[in-house]
Amino acid sequence: MKLLALMLSLSFLVLIHEGGHFFFARLFKTRVEKFYLFFNPWFSLLRAKKYEGRWHFSFFSAKSPEEFEKYPDNTEWGIGWLPFGGYCSIAGMIDENNADGSKLSQTVQPWEYRSKKAWQRLLIISGGVLVNFIGALVIYCTIMFTWGTDTLPLQNVPYGYDYNTTAQKYGFRNGDYVLSIDGKQMYEMKDVVSELLLNGGKQVKVLRGQDTVMISLSDKFAKEMVGAGEKQFAVPRFPFVIGSFADNSLGQKAGLRVGDSLVAINAQPTTSFSEFKAKLARYVNAPVVISYYRNNVLDSVKINLGKDGLIGAAPKNFLADVKYDHHSYNLLQSVPKGISYGVETLVSYVKQFKIVFSKEGASQLGGFGSIGSLFPETWDWLRFWTMTAFLSIILAFMNVLPIPALDGGHIVFTLWEMVTGRKPSDKFLEKAQMVGMIILFALLIYANGNDLFRWLTGRM
């Protein structure tokens, strides 16, 4: 299901991205030779072209049929066999489909990209980025109108939060509530993470029991958090109330029941599920006495643990009973709310790059595996469209980076021409395209290599 969601999301984003290039190219009467979903090295699953008043198709072909070539002004539409990508091949343009410039004729033709005015070429090459960003805003507006927003205020989690290892190293304790950072009041955990990792928050005020405690963080905190590879800064803390049992559960055989509240292991109190799980792991292949409450009566059972150190019980979904703040929006309200959310998402993502370009950030770069892991294991339309909008924001931003072979590289060269009046030569663009492709392939291999390493080491 994760793979299906990833493929559908990326396919949709590729189509609208390349559709942006296509729209502006045709608007300025520039020939679009091919428009493909997925890449098609060696052969294509489908080729289609409309000429002589009707559509013509070719399936599983290694090259375009000869009759397709007789109508060069008509776009060939196709589906390749290599997923996760696509392209819009524009005549007279040096890009990934014509990196060496071999398809360029000696004489500049009026229907070629290179014959168009600089401002027109700028719009053609920026079209994909514009459509991706606008598409993300439209999706966010639709989400606001259809589902609204659900937020979990920090104070609505009755048992506080459990913090990761790095946070505890700097002074956070399980059960703490974050009240403010550098004097700024915090509303939900997303605000806390953003303030600490992206804005460099230093002075954190937390509520610990009945006391308020100040935690001072160093400049290294954000990088250490990222470098540690821990997925979450903090998660809601909840007691271990049994919600279900696994097959052949040791706990169920010993007499535990659904609804029992487990509170201690060998007389050592465990106030949360995470604490119970951590302490239980110390007693692999050993007997334990588990204390629990049933109908407000304290009792205990003895269980001989196996090599997995588990009792075969899962906790009740405690968060289902937590009060979320829900906000609904009508059509007029959803538009500014969706646009505001999209802009905030873009700004937040841009801020992350100060961490990405560090040693710790680079070690956590991920490829398709990391992206796919963001989708849920069961189909959820809200999560699907939320992730698709987020990926559209990422795709828009990544494509404006000034790297040759990306849209941003072409944009920089075009802006240079508009400012100086000097157009880069085709030979220069060819070399820049090759350098850019080498950089992109290196990043792709590195990011997906990180995914493979994490998968092999059980960290994904």
Protein backbone atom coordinates (compact mmCIF):
# COMPACT_ATOMS: atom_id res chain seq x y z
CA MET A 1 0.00 0.00 0.00
CA LYS A 2 2.88 2.37 0.76
CA LEU A 3 4.41 1.64 -2.66
CA LEU A 4 1.08 2.15 -4.43
CA ALA A 5 0.50 5.47 -2.64
CA LEU A 6 4.03 6.64 -3.46
CA MET A 7 3.72 5.74 -7.15
CA LEU A 8 0.31 7.41 -7.49
CA SER A 9 1.47 10.54 -5.70
CA LEU A 10 4.71 10.92 -7.67
CA SER A 11 2.96 10.12 -10.97
CA PHE A 12 0.40 12.84 -10.31
CA LEU A 13 3.12 15.35 -9.41
CA VAL A 14 5.21 14.48 -12.47
CA LEU A 15 2.19 14.92 -14.74
CA ILE A 16 1.32 18.37 -13.42
CA HIS A 17 4.99 19.43 -13.35
CA GLU A 18 5.62 18.46 -16.94
CA GLY A 19 2.17 19.79 -17.80
CA GLY A 20 3.36 23.22 -16.63
CA HIS A 21 6.25 23.10 -19.10
CA PHE A 22 3.91 21.85 -21.83
CA PHE A 23 1.35 24.63 -21.26
CA PHE A 24 3.81 27.49 -21.60
CA ALA A 25 5.65 25.83 -24.49
CA ARG A 26 2.45 25.52 -26.50
CA LEU A 27 1.35 28.99 -25.39
CA PHE A 28 4.43 30.41 -27.14
CA LYS A 29 4.07 28.07 -30.14
CA THR A 30 7.05 25.91 -29.21
CA ARG A 31 7.09 22.33 -30.45
CA VAL A 32 6.80 19.65 -27.76
CA GLU A 33 8.21 16.47 -29.24
CA LYS A 34 7.34 14.02 -26.45
CA PHE A 35 5.38 13.98 -23.21
CA TYR A 36 6.00 10.88 -21.09
CA LEU A 37 4.91 9.50 -17.75
CA PHE A 38 7.81 7.34 -16.50
CA PHE A 39 11.10 6.98 -18.33
CA ASN A 40 11.43 4.78 -21.41
CA PRO A 41 15.01 3.61 -21.98
CA TRP A 42 15.08 0.96 -24.74
CA PHE A 43 11.30 0.69 -25.11
CA SER A 44 7.93 2.17 -24.16
CA LEU A 45 4.80 0.52 -22.83
CA LEU A 46 2.67 2.89 -24.88
CA ARG A 47 3.19 5.50 -27.59
CA ALA A 48 0.34 7.62 -28.92
CA LYS A 49 0.07 10.48 -31.38
CA LYS A 50 -2.89 12.23 -32.96
CA TYR A 51 -2.69 12.98 -36.67
CA GLU A 52 -5.00 12.86 -39.67
CA GLY A 53 -7.91 13.48 -37.35
CA ARG A 54 -7.52 10.42 -35.11
CA TRP A 55 -5.30 8.83 -32.46
CA HIS A 56 -2.70 6.22 -33.38
CA PHE A 57 -1.16 3.85 -30.83
CA SER A 58 1.92 1.66 -30.54
CA PHE A 59 2.44 -0.78 -27.66
CA PHE A 60 5.72 -2.18 -26.28
CA SER A 61 7.76 -0.50 -28.99
CA ALA A 62 11.48 0.21 -28.98
CA LYS A 63 11.09 3.34 -31.09
CA SER A 64 8.40 5.53 -32.55
CA PRO A 65 6.66 4.14 -35.64
CA GLU A 66 7.85 5.72 -38.88
CA GLU A 67 4.45 7.32 -39.52
CA PHE A 68 4.79 9.18 -36.19
CA GLU A 69 7.86 10.93 -37.57
CA LYS A 70 5.87 12.38 -40.49
CA TYR A 71 4.04 14.71 -38.11
CA PRO A 72 6.79 16.31 -36.00
CA ASP A 73 4.60 19.22 -34.91
CA ASN A 74 2.27 16.83 -33.06
CA THR A 75 3.31 15.67 -29.61
CA GLU A 76 4.01 12.00 -28.99
CA TRP A 77 2.39 10.92 -25.73
CA GLY A 78 3.64 7.86 -23.91
CA ILE A 79 4.11 5.73 -20.84
CA GLY A 80 7.56 4.33 -20.09
CA TRP A 81 8.39 1.21 -18.13
CA LEU A 82 10.74 2.74 -15.54
CA PRO A 83 8.55 4.33 -12.81
CA PHE A 84 9.13 7.41 -10.64
CA GLY A 85 9.60 10.10 -13.24
CA GLY A 86 8.68 11.48 -16.61
CA TYR A 87 9.64 14.19 -19.05
CA CYS A 88 8.46 16.79 -21.52
CA SER A 89 10.85 16.97 -24.47
CA ILE A 90 10.81 20.48 -25.94
CA ALA A 91 12.33 21.08 -29.36
CA GLY A 92 15.51 23.15 -29.42
CA MET A 93 16.26 22.75 -25.73
CA ILE A 94 19.35 21.21 -24.13
CA ASP A 95 18.01 19.02 -21.33
CA GLU A 96 18.22 15.43 -20.06
CA ASN A 97 16.84 14.20 -23.38
CA ASN A 98 19.37 16.16 -25.43
CA ALA A 99 22.34 16.66 -23.12
CA ASP A 100 24.91 16.67 -25.94
CA GLY A 101 22.92 18.98 -28.22
CA SER A 102 22.89 16.37 -31.00
CA LYS A 103 19.24 17.06 -31.79
CA LEU A 104 19.82 20.73 -32.46
CA SER A 105 19.92 21.77 -36.10
CA GLN A 106 22.45 24.26 -37.40
CA THR A 107 19.74 26.78 -38.21
CA VAL A 108 17.52 27.99 -35.40
CA GLN A 109 13.91 27.22 -36.27
CA PRO A 110 10.98 29.46 -35.25
CA TRP A 111 9.26 26.57 -33.43
CA GLU A 112 12.29 25.83 -31.23
CA TYR A 113 12.75 26.76 -27.59
CA ARG A 114 16.05 28.53 -28.33
CA SER A 115 14.33 30.86 -30.82
CA LYS A 116 11.98 32.30 -28.21
CA LYS A 117 12.51 35.52 -26.30
CA ALA A 118 14.24 35.22 -22.95
CA TRP A 119 11.12 36.03 -20.91
CA GLN A 120 9.17 33.38 -22.81
CA ARG A 121 11.88 30.77 -22.19
CA LEU A 122 11.88 31.77 -18.53
CA LEU A 123 8.15 31.02 -18.27
CA ILE A 124 8.50 27.74 -20.18
CA ILE A 125 11.25 26.47 -17.91
CA SER A 126 9.55 27.81 -14.75
CA GLY A 127 6.17 26.34 -15.67
CA GLY A 128 6.72 23.06 -13.83
CA VAL A 129 7.76 24.74 -10.61
CA LEU A 130 4.84 27.19 -10.77
CA VAL A 131 2.30 24.42 -11.33
CA ASN A 132 3.75 22.30 -8.52
CA PHE A 133 3.55 25.16 -6.05
CA ILE A 134 0.10 26.28 -7.15
CA GLY A 135 -1.01 22.64 -7.17
CA ALA A 136 0.12 22.23 -3.56
CA LEU A 137 -1.83 25.33 -2.53
CA VAL A 138 -4.96 24.03 -4.29
CA ILE A 139 -4.62 20.68 -2.51
CA TYR A 140 -4.15 22.36 0.87
CA CYS A 141 -7.22 24.56 0.26
CA THR A 142 -9.23 21.46 -0.66
CA ILE A 143 -8.02 19.65 2.47
CA MET A 144 -9.09 22.58 4.65
CA PHE A 145 -12.54 22.65 3.03
CA THR A 146 -13.07 18.86 3.08
CA TRP A 147 -11.48 17.77 6.37
CA GLY A 148 -10.57 20.92 8.26
CA THR A 149 -7.72 20.69 10.75
CA ASP A 150 -7.17 18.62 13.89
CA THR A 151 -4.50 19.74 16.32
CA LEU A 152 -3.47 18.22 19.63
CA PRO A 153 -2.64 20.94 22.19
CA LEU A 154 0.29 20.06 24.43
CA GLN A 155 -1.80 20.37 27.57
CA ASN A 156 -4.45 17.96 26.24
CA VAL A 157 -2.07 15.00 26.69
CA PRO A 158 -2.72 14.08 30.36
CA TYR A 159 0.51 12.17 31.03
CA GLY A 160 2.97 14.43 29.24
CA TYR A 161 5.47 13.25 26.64
CA ASP A 162 8.22 10.70 26.25
CA TYR A 163 11.42 12.20 24.78
CA ASN A 164 14.07 10.62 22.61
CA THR A 165 17.59 9.83 23.80
CA THR A 166 19.17 13.07 22.56
CA ALA A 167 16.49 15.21 24.22
CA GLN A 168 16.96 13.40 27.53
CA LYS A 169 20.72 13.91 27.24
CA TYR A 170 20.10 17.67 27.22
CA GLY A 171 17.80 17.62 30.26
CA PHE A 172 14.30 16.70 29.10
CA ARG A 173 12.54 14.11 31.26
CA ASN A 174 9.71 11.79 30.32
CA GLY A 175 6.45 13.35 31.47
CA ASP A 176 7.58 16.94 30.82
CA TYR A 177 5.27 19.47 29.15
CA VAL A 178 6.95 22.17 27.06
CA LEU A 179 5.47 25.54 28.00
CA SER A 180 7.60 28.02 26.07
CA ILE A 181 10.83 28.38 24.10
CA ASP A 182 12.80 31.63 24.36
CA GLY A 183 9.69 33.20 25.88
CA LYS A 184 7.42 32.11 23.00
CA GLN A 185 4.43 30.06 24.15
CA MET A 186 4.08 26.64 22.50
CA TYR A 187 0.71 25.29 21.38
CA GLU A 188 1.41 21.84 19.87
CA MET A 189 4.40 19.53 19.49
CA LYS A 190 4.90 20.56 15.86
CA ASP A 191 5.59 24.11 17.10
CA VAL A 192 8.15 22.78 19.59
CA VAL A 193 10.07 20.79 16.98
CA SER A 194 10.04 23.69 14.52
CA GLU A 195 11.28 26.17 17.13
CA LEU A 196 14.06 23.89 18.35
CA LEU A 197 15.35 22.47 15.08
CA LEU A 198 14.65 25.23 12.57
CA ASN A 199 14.74 28.42 14.61
CA GLY A 200 17.50 27.44 17.02
CA GLY A 201 15.54 27.80 20.26
CA LYS A 202 17.75 27.73 23.36
CA GLN A 203 15.82 28.37 26.59
CA VAL A 204 13.01 25.85 27.10
CA LYS A 205 10.55 26.15 29.98
CA VAL A 206 8.88 22.85 30.90
CA LEU A 207 6.30 21.79 33.44
CA ARG A 208 7.62 18.84 35.46
CA GLY A 209 5.03 17.63 37.92
CA GLN A 210 4.05 20.78 39.81
CA ASP A 211 7.31 22.61 39.10
CA THR A 212 8.55 24.68 36.18
CA VAL A 213 12.08 23.91 35.03
CA MET A 214 14.34 25.75 32.57
CA ILE A 215 16.40 23.69 30.13
CA SER A 216 19.28 25.38 28.31
CA LEU A 217 20.28 23.94 24.94
CA SER A 218 23.57 24.40 23.13
CA ASP A 219 24.13 25.33 19.48
CA LYS A 220 24.87 21.65 18.78
CA PHE A 221 21.45 20.41 19.85
CA ALA A 222 19.71 20.56 16.44
CA LYS A 223 22.59 18.86 14.61
CA GLU A 224 22.87 16.15 17.25
CA MET A 225 19.13 15.52 16.99
CA VAL A 226 19.34 15.12 13.22
CA GLY A 227 22.56 13.12 13.30
CA ALA A 228 21.13 10.63 15.82
CA GLY A 229 18.56 9.56 13.23
CA GLU A 230 15.75 9.38 15.79
CA LYS A 231 12.43 9.73 14.00
CA GLN A 232 10.55 11.71 16.66
CA PHE A 233 11.54 14.30 19.23
CA ALA A 234 8.71 13.36 21.59
CA VAL A 235 5.57 11.21 21.61
CA PRO A 236 2.52 11.36 23.91
CA ARG A 237 3.03 9.38 27.10
CA PHE A 238 0.24 6.97 28.10
CA PRO A 239 -0.28 4.14 30.61
CA PHE A 240 -0.19 0.50 29.52
CA VAL A 241 -3.84 -0.52 29.46
CA ILE A 242 -4.15 -3.79 27.52
CA GLY A 243 -6.15 -3.37 24.32
CA SER A 244 -5.52 -6.72 22.62
CA PHE A 245 -3.45 -9.89 22.74
CA ALA A 246 -1.27 -11.60 20.14
CA ASP A 247 -1.74 -15.27 19.30
CA ASN A 248 -0.28 -17.54 21.97
CA SER A 249 0.20 -14.56 24.28
CA LEU A 250 2.14 -15.34 27.44
CA GLY A 251 0.30 -12.58 29.25
CA GLN A 252 -3.12 -13.91 28.31
CA LYS A 253 -2.15 -17.46 29.32
CA ALA A 254 -0.99 -16.11 32.69
CA GLY A 255 -4.41 -14.59 33.34
CA LEU A 256 -4.15 -11.00 32.13
CA ARG A 257 -7.26 -9.56 30.41
CA VAL A 258 -8.15 -6.75 28.05
CA GLY A 259 -8.58 -3.59 30.16
CA ASP A 260 -5.95 -4.49 32.78
CA SER A 261 -3.65 -1.58 33.62
CA LEU A 262 -0.03 -2.76 34.01
CA VAL A 263 1.83 -0.66 36.57
CA ALA A 264 5.00 -2.50 37.69
CA ILE A 265 7.59 -5.17 36.81
CA ASN A 266 9.20 -6.99 39.74
CA ALA A 267 7.88 -4.26 42.07
CA GLN A 268 9.52 -1.52 39.95
CA PRO A 269 6.82 1.04 38.99
CA THR A 270 6.19 1.65 35.27
CA THR A 271 4.10 4.74 34.70
CA SER A 272 3.85 4.51 30.89
CA PHE A 273 3.80 1.95 28.10
CA SER A 274 7.24 3.04 26.85
CA GLU A 275 8.72 2.65 30.33
CA PHE A 276 7.11 -0.77 30.73
CA LYS A 277 8.49 -1.91 27.37
CA ALA A 278 12.00 -0.64 28.16
CA LYS A 279 12.14 -2.35 31.57
CA LEU A 280 10.64 -5.60 30.27
CA ALA A 281 13.45 -5.87 27.70
CA ARG A 282 15.91 -6.40 30.57
CA TYR A 283 14.34 -9.77 31.49
CA VAL A 284 14.75 -11.85 28.32
CA ASN A 285 14.43 -15.59 29.08
CA ALA A 286 13.68 -14.78 32.72
CA PRO A 287 10.66 -14.84 35.06
CA VAL A 288 8.94 -11.55 35.91
CA VAL A 289 6.16 -10.52 38.25
CA ILE A 290 3.82 -8.02 36.64
CA SER A 291 1.57 -5.89 38.81
CA TYR A 292 -1.71 -4.61 37.37
CA TYR A 293 -5.00 -2.98 38.30
CA ARG A 294 -8.32 -4.63 37.40
CA ASN A 295 -11.53 -2.92 38.52
CA ASN A 296 -9.40 -0.70 40.81
CA VAL A 297 -7.97 -3.76 42.57
CA LEU A 298 -4.19 -4.32 42.54
CA ASP A 299 -3.04 -7.82 41.66
CA SER A 300 -0.02 -9.53 40.05
CA VAL A 301 0.93 -12.48 37.84
CA LYS A 302 4.18 -14.35 37.22
CA ILE A 303 5.29 -14.81 33.59
CA ASN A 304 8.31 -16.66 32.26
CA LEU A 305 9.50 -14.56 29.33
CA GLY A 306 10.91 -16.06 26.14
CA LYS A 307 13.82 -14.96 23.98
CA ASP A 308 11.85 -12.03 22.52
CA GLY A 309 11.20 -10.57 25.97
CA LEU A 310 7.52 -9.87 25.21
CA ILE A 311 4.26 -10.78 26.93
CA GLY A 312 2.21 -10.66 23.72
CA ALA A 313 -0.05 -7.74 24.65
CA ALA A 314 -0.71 -4.45 22.81
CA PRO A 315 -1.82 -1.23 24.51
CA LYS A 316 -5.20 0.36 24.11
CA ASN A 317 -5.23 3.27 21.64
CA PHE A 318 -5.12 5.88 24.35
CA LEU A 319 -4.96 8.79 21.91
CA ALA A 320 -8.44 7.92 20.64
CA ASP A 321 -9.80 9.36 23.91
CA VAL A 322 -7.63 12.50 23.82
CA LYS A 323 -9.39 15.75 22.95
CA TYR A 324 -8.23 17.29 19.67
CA ASP A 325 -9.04 20.84 18.62
CA HIS A 326 -10.99 20.59 15.35
CA HIS A 327 -11.52 23.56 13.04
CA SER A 328 -13.84 23.46 10.02
CA TYR A 329 -13.63 25.95 7.15
CA ASN A 330 -16.17 27.03 4.58
CA LEU A 331 -15.16 27.65 0.99
CA LEU A 332 -14.15 31.28 1.53
CA GLN A 333 -12.21 30.47 4.70
CA SER A 334 -10.43 27.42 3.26
CA VAL A 335 -8.70 29.40 0.48
CA PRO A 336 -6.64 31.80 2.65
CA LYS A 337 -6.09 29.08 5.25
CA GLY A 338 -4.79 26.63 2.63
CA ILE A 339 -2.55 29.25 1.01
CA SER A 340 -1.16 30.29 4.39
CA TYR A 341 -0.47 26.66 5.33
CA GLY A 342 1.26 26.02 2.00
CA VAL A 343 3.51 29.06 2.35
CA GLU A 344 4.38 28.11 5.94
CA THR A 345 5.25 24.59 4.76
CA LEU A 346 7.56 25.98 2.07
CA VAL A 347 9.28 28.36 4.51
CA SER A 348 9.76 25.53 7.01
CA TYR A 349 11.24 23.26 4.34
CA VAL A 350 13.64 25.96 3.16
CA LYS A 351 14.84 26.46 6.74
CA GLN A 352 15.68 22.77 6.98
CA PHE A 353 18.43 23.19 4.40
CA LYS A 354 20.78 24.73 6.92
CA ILE A 355 20.71 21.30 8.58
CA VAL A 356 20.71 19.27 5.35
CA PHE A 357 23.99 20.89 4.27
CA SER A 358 25.72 19.75 7.44
CA LYS A 359 27.55 16.48 8.12
CA GLU A 360 24.72 15.28 10.36
CA GLY A 361 22.02 16.24 7.88
CA ALA A 362 23.75 14.60 4.93
CA SER A 363 23.90 11.31 6.82
CA GLN A 364 20.10 11.32 7.10
CA LEU A 365 19.31 12.03 3.44
CA GLY A 366 16.91 9.46 2.04
CA GLY A 367 15.59 8.34 -1.32
CA PHE A 368 12.40 6.65 -2.48
CA GLY A 369 12.36 4.34 0.54
CA SER A 370 12.33 7.23 2.99
CA ILE A 371 9.64 9.02 1.02
CA GLY A 372 7.52 5.88 0.80
CA SER A 373 7.76 5.33 4.55
CA LEU A 374 5.90 8.61 5.09
CA PHE A 375 2.71 7.10 3.67
CA PRO A 376 0.46 4.99 5.96
CA GLU A 377 0.19 1.21 5.66
CA THR A 378 -3.57 1.46 5.09
CA TRP A 379 -5.21 3.76 2.57
CA ASP A 380 -6.09 7.18 3.97
CA TRP A 381 -7.22 9.90 1.54
CA LEU A 382 -6.44 12.72 3.95
CA ARG A 383 -2.90 11.45 4.54
CA PHE A 384 -2.43 10.74 0.82
CA TRP A 385 -3.34 14.27 -0.28
CA THR A 386 -1.46 15.87 2.62
CA MET A 387 1.70 13.98 1.64
CA THR A 388 1.13 14.72 -2.07
CA ALA A 389 0.88 18.45 -1.36
CA PHE A 390 4.03 18.30 0.78
CA LEU A 391 5.94 16.43 -1.93
CA SER A 392 4.73 18.98 -4.46
CA ILE A 393 6.24 21.74 -2.31
CA ILE A 394 9.50 19.77 -2.13
CA LEU A 395 9.52 19.16 -5.89
CA ALA A 396 8.93 22.85 -6.59
CA PHE A 397 11.74 23.97 -4.28
CA MET A 398 14.25 21.33 -5.34
CA ASN A 399 13.72 22.21 -8.98
CA VAL A 400 14.64 25.87 -8.46
CA LEU A 401 18.01 25.00 -6.95
CA PRO A 402 20.69 26.47 -9.26
CA ILE A 403 21.98 23.09 -10.41
CA PRO A 404 22.46 22.48 -14.15
CA ALA A 405 20.05 19.78 -15.39
CA LEU A 406 17.38 21.08 -12.99
CA ASP A 407 14.91 23.80 -13.92
CA GLY A 408 16.79 26.10 -11.56
CA GLY A 409 19.95 25.81 -13.63
CA HIS A 410 18.11 26.84 -16.79
CA ILE A 411 16.41 29.66 -14.88
CA VAL A 412 19.78 31.02 -13.72
CA PHE A 413 21.21 30.94 -17.25
CA THR A 414 18.10 32.67 -18.64
CA LEU A 415 18.15 35.35 -15.95
CA TRP A 416 21.86 35.91 -16.68
CA GLU A 417 20.98 36.48 -20.32
CA MET A 418 18.16 38.88 -19.41
CA VAL A 419 20.45 40.92 -17.14
CA THR A 420 23.63 40.95 -19.25
CA GLY A 421 22.18 40.60 -22.73
CA ARG A 422 24.60 37.73 -23.42
CA LYS A 423 23.19 34.29 -24.10
CA PRO A 424 25.28 31.27 -22.97
CA SER A 425 26.50 29.24 -25.94
CA ASP A 426 25.01 25.85 -26.78
CA LYS A 427 28.41 24.27 -26.10
CA PHE A 428 28.48 25.76 -22.59
CA LEU A 429 24.91 24.58 -21.91
CA GLU A 430 25.83 21.07 -23.09
CA LYS A 431 28.75 20.85 -20.66
CA ALA A 432 26.71 22.37 -17.81
CA GLN A 433 23.93 19.85 -18.47
CA MET A 434 26.37 16.94 -18.26
CA VAL A 435 27.88 18.24 -15.02
CA GLY A 436 24.41 18.72 -13.55
CA MET A 437 23.34 15.20 -14.47
CA ILE A 438 26.46 13.76 -12.83
CA ILE A 439 25.65 15.70 -9.65
CA LEU A 440 22.02 14.53 -9.68
CA PHE A 441 22.94 10.89 -10.26
CA ALA A 442 25.48 11.08 -7.43
CA LEU A 443 22.86 12.52 -5.06
CA LEU A 444 20.34 9.91 -6.16
CA ILE A 445 22.77 7.07 -5.55
CA TYR A 446 23.86 8.52 -2.19
CA ALA A 447 20.30 9.10 -0.91
CA ASN A 448 19.02 5.68 -1.95
CA GLY A 449 22.24 4.11 -0.66
CA ASN A 450 21.42 5.60 2.74
CA ASP A 451 18.00 3.97 2.53
CA LEU A 452 19.54 0.62 1.68
CA PHE A 453 22.01 0.88 4.58
CA ARG A 454 19.24 1.77 7.02
CA TRP A 455 17.13 -1.12 5.74
CA LEU A 456 19.99 -3.61 6.10
CA THR A 457 20.75 -2.39 9.62
CA GLY A 458 17.08 -2.38 10.67
CA ARG A 459 16.88 1.39 11.13
CA MET A 460 14.15 2.01 8.51
